[in-house]
Amino acid sequence: MTALTDTARVTKTAQAAGTAAAEALLRDVAYVLKLTRRVKEEMTAERAPAQHLAVRTAEGALVA
């Protein structure tokens, strides 16, 4: 079995690779959340408030 003679260099490289992957993942998640927020705003902007022309009362429901 061969011992690693330069473990500090290997450790720094592994940490850098892990950090880069984590940053890429967070960037992707932020992008998806931004798109989700944009789609939600567009959907709520298109939806007009519902206007009820006639108010239904209990007496009106019983009248035939």
N, C-alpha and C. Protein backbone atom coordinates (compact mmCIF):
# COMPACT_ATOMS: atom_id res chain seq x y z
N MET A 1 0.85 -1.16 0.00
CA MET A 1 0.00 0.00 0.00
C MET A 1 0.90 1.24 0.00
N THR A 2 0.61 2.19 -0.86
CA THR A 2 1.42 3.40 -0.98
C THR A 2 0.78 4.52 -0.17
N ALA A 3 1.56 5.17 0.63
CA ALA A 3 1.06 6.29 1.43
C ALA A 3 1.06 7.56 0.58
N LEU A 4 0.09 8.40 0.81
CA LEU A 4 0.05 9.68 0.11
C LEU A 4 1.06 10.62 0.76
N THR A 5 1.94 11.15 -0.05
CA THR A 5 2.96 12.04 0.51
C THR A 5 2.54 13.49 0.49
N ASP A 6 1.58 13.81 -0.33
CA ASP A 6 1.15 15.21 -0.45
C ASP A 6 -0.34 15.32 -0.15
N THR A 7 -0.73 14.97 1.06
CA THR A 7 -2.15 14.95 1.42
C THR A 7 -2.75 16.34 1.48
N ALA A 8 -1.95 17.34 1.79
CA ALA A 8 -2.49 18.70 1.86
C ALA A 8 -2.97 19.16 0.49
N ARG A 9 -2.22 18.85 -0.55
CA ARG A 9 -2.60 19.25 -1.90
C ARG A 9 -3.86 18.50 -2.34
N VAL A 10 -3.95 17.21 -2.03
CA VAL A 10 -5.12 16.41 -2.38
C VAL A 10 -6.35 16.93 -1.66
N THR A 11 -6.21 17.27 -0.38
CA THR A 11 -7.33 17.77 0.40
C THR A 11 -7.84 19.09 -0.15
N LYS A 12 -6.93 20.01 -0.49
CA LYS A 12 -7.34 21.31 -1.04
C LYS A 12 -8.05 21.14 -2.37
N THR A 13 -7.58 20.23 -3.20
CA THR A 13 -8.21 19.99 -4.50
C THR A 13 -9.61 19.42 -4.31
N ALA A 14 -9.76 18.49 -3.39
CA ALA A 14 -11.08 17.89 -3.13
C ALA A 14 -12.04 18.93 -2.58
N GLN A 15 -11.55 19.78 -1.69
CA GLN A 15 -12.41 20.82 -1.12
C GLN A 15 -12.83 21.81 -2.20
N ALA A 16 -11.91 22.18 -3.08
CA ALA A 16 -12.24 23.11 -4.15
C ALA A 16 -13.28 22.52 -5.09
N ALA A 17 -13.15 21.23 -5.40
CA ALA A 17 -14.12 20.57 -6.28
C ALA A 17 -15.49 20.53 -5.61
N GLY A 18 -15.52 20.23 -4.32
CA GLY A 18 -16.79 20.20 -3.59
C GLY A 18 -17.43 21.57 -3.51
N THR A 19 -16.61 22.60 -3.29
CA THR A 19 -17.12 23.96 -3.21
C THR A 19 -17.68 24.41 -4.55
N ALA A 20 -16.99 24.10 -5.63
CA ALA A 20 -17.46 24.47 -6.97
C ALA A 20 -18.78 23.79 -7.30
N ALA A 21 -18.90 22.53 -6.93
CA ALA A 21 -20.15 21.80 -7.19
C ALA A 21 -21.30 22.38 -6.37
N ALA A 22 -21.02 22.73 -5.12
CA ALA A 22 -22.06 23.31 -4.27
C ALA A 22 -22.49 24.68 -4.79
N GLU A 23 -21.53 25.48 -5.25
CA GLU A 23 -21.88 26.79 -5.80
C GLU A 23 -22.71 26.66 -7.06
N ALA A 24 -22.38 25.70 -7.90
CA ALA A 24 -23.16 25.47 -9.12
C ALA A 24 -24.57 25.02 -8.78
N LEU A 25 -24.69 24.16 -7.79
CA LEU A 25 -26.02 23.69 -7.38
C LEU A 25 -26.85 24.84 -6.83
N LEU A 26 -26.27 25.67 -5.98
CA LEU A 26 -27.00 26.81 -5.43
C LEU A 26 -27.39 27.80 -6.51
N ARG A 27 -26.53 28.00 -7.49
CA ARG A 27 -26.84 28.90 -8.59
C ARG A 27 -28.02 28.37 -9.40
N ASP A 28 -28.04 27.05 -9.64
CA ASP A 28 -29.16 26.45 -10.38
C ASP A 28 -30.46 26.56 -9.61
N VAL A 29 -30.41 26.33 -8.31
CA VAL A 29 -31.62 26.43 -7.48
C VAL A 29 -32.14 27.86 -7.46
N ALA A 30 -31.25 28.83 -7.36
CA ALA A 30 -31.66 30.24 -7.37
C ALA A 30 -32.32 30.59 -8.71
N TYR A 31 -31.79 30.07 -9.80
CA TYR A 31 -32.37 30.32 -11.11
C TYR A 31 -33.78 29.75 -11.22
N VAL A 32 -33.95 28.53 -10.73
CA VAL A 32 -35.28 27.90 -10.78
C VAL A 32 -36.27 28.68 -9.92
N LEU A 33 -35.85 29.12 -8.75
CA LEU A 33 -36.75 29.91 -7.90
C LEU A 33 -37.12 31.23 -8.55
N LYS A 34 -36.18 31.85 -9.23
CA LYS A 34 -36.46 33.10 -9.93
C LYS A 34 -37.48 32.88 -11.04
N LEU A 35 -37.31 31.80 -11.81
CA LEU A 35 -38.28 31.49 -12.87
C LEU A 35 -39.65 31.18 -12.29
N THR A 36 -39.68 30.45 -11.18
CA THR A 36 -40.95 30.11 -10.54
C THR A 36 -41.67 31.37 -10.10
N ARG A 37 -40.93 32.30 -9.50
CA ARG A 37 -41.53 33.56 -9.05
C ARG A 37 -42.07 34.35 -10.23
N ARG A 38 -41.33 34.35 -11.35
CA ARG A 38 -41.77 35.09 -12.52
C ARG A 38 -43.06 34.49 -13.10
N VAL A 39 -43.13 33.18 -13.16
CA VAL A 39 -44.33 32.52 -13.69
C VAL A 39 -45.52 32.78 -12.78
N LYS A 40 -45.32 32.74 -11.48
CA LYS A 40 -46.41 33.00 -10.54
C LYS A 40 -46.93 34.42 -10.71
N GLU A 41 -46.03 35.39 -10.86
CA GLU A 41 -46.46 36.77 -11.06
C GLU A 41 -47.25 36.93 -12.34
N GLU A 42 -46.83 36.25 -13.42
CA GLU A 42 -47.56 36.33 -14.67
C GLU A 42 -48.94 35.70 -14.55
N MET A 43 -49.03 34.60 -13.84
CA MET A 43 -50.32 33.92 -13.68
C MET A 43 -51.28 34.76 -12.86
N THR A 44 -50.80 35.37 -11.80
CA THR A 44 -51.70 36.19 -10.97
C THR A 44 -52.06 37.49 -11.65
N ALA A 45 -51.19 38.00 -12.54
CA ALA A 45 -51.51 39.24 -13.26
C ALA A 45 -52.60 38.99 -14.30
N GLU A 46 -52.61 37.81 -14.90
CA GLU A 46 -53.61 37.48 -15.91
C GLU A 46 -54.98 37.24 -15.30
N ARG A 47 -55.00 36.81 -14.06
CA ARG A 47 -56.26 36.49 -13.41
C ARG A 47 -56.96 37.79 -12.97
N ALA A 48 -58.10 38.06 -13.56
CA ALA A 48 -58.87 39.24 -13.20
C ALA A 48 -59.67 38.94 -11.94
N PRO A 49 -59.88 39.94 -11.09
CA PRO A 49 -60.69 39.69 -9.90
C PRO A 49 -62.13 39.34 -10.30
N ALA A 50 -62.67 38.34 -9.66
CA ALA A 50 -64.02 37.89 -9.97
C ALA A 50 -65.04 38.88 -9.42
N GLN A 51 -65.96 39.27 -10.27
CA GLN A 51 -67.02 40.19 -9.85
C GLN A 51 -68.32 39.41 -9.77
N HIS A 52 -68.93 39.46 -8.64
CA HIS A 52 -70.21 38.79 -8.44
C HIS A 52 -71.31 39.80 -8.74
N LEU A 53 -72.06 39.53 -9.81
CA LEU A 53 -73.12 40.46 -10.21
C LEU A 53 -74.34 40.34 -9.30
N ALA A 54 -74.68 39.16 -8.92
CA ALA A 54 -75.86 38.96 -8.08
C ALA A 54 -75.42 38.29 -6.79
N VAL A 55 -75.88 38.85 -5.71
CA VAL A 55 -75.59 38.25 -4.42
C VAL A 55 -76.73 37.31 -4.09
N ARG A 56 -76.42 36.10 -3.80
CA ARG A 56 -77.44 35.10 -3.53
C ARG A 56 -77.69 35.05 -2.03
N THR A 57 -78.92 35.22 -1.65
CA THR A 57 -79.28 35.15 -0.24
C THR A 57 -80.03 33.85 0.03
N ALA A 58 -80.24 33.56 1.27
CA ALA A 58 -80.96 32.35 1.64
C ALA A 58 -82.40 32.41 1.12
N GLU A 59 -83.02 33.58 1.15
CA GLU A 59 -84.40 33.70 0.66
C GLU A 59 -84.46 33.51 -0.84
N GLY A 60 -83.50 34.02 -1.57
CA GLY A 60 -83.48 33.87 -3.01
C GLY A 60 -83.24 32.43 -3.44
N ALA A 61 -82.54 31.67 -2.64
CA ALA A 61 -82.27 30.28 -3.00
C ALA A 61 -83.49 29.42 -2.86
N LEU A 62 -84.41 29.80 -1.97
CA LEU A 62 -85.61 29.00 -1.76
C LEU A 62 -86.73 29.33 -2.72
N VAL A 63 -86.66 30.48 -3.36
CA VAL A 63 -87.73 30.89 -4.26
C VAL A 63 -87.54 30.17 -5.60
N ALA A 64 -88.62 29.58 -6.10
CA ALA A 64 -88.54 28.84 -7.34
C ALA A 64 -89.05 29.66 -8.50
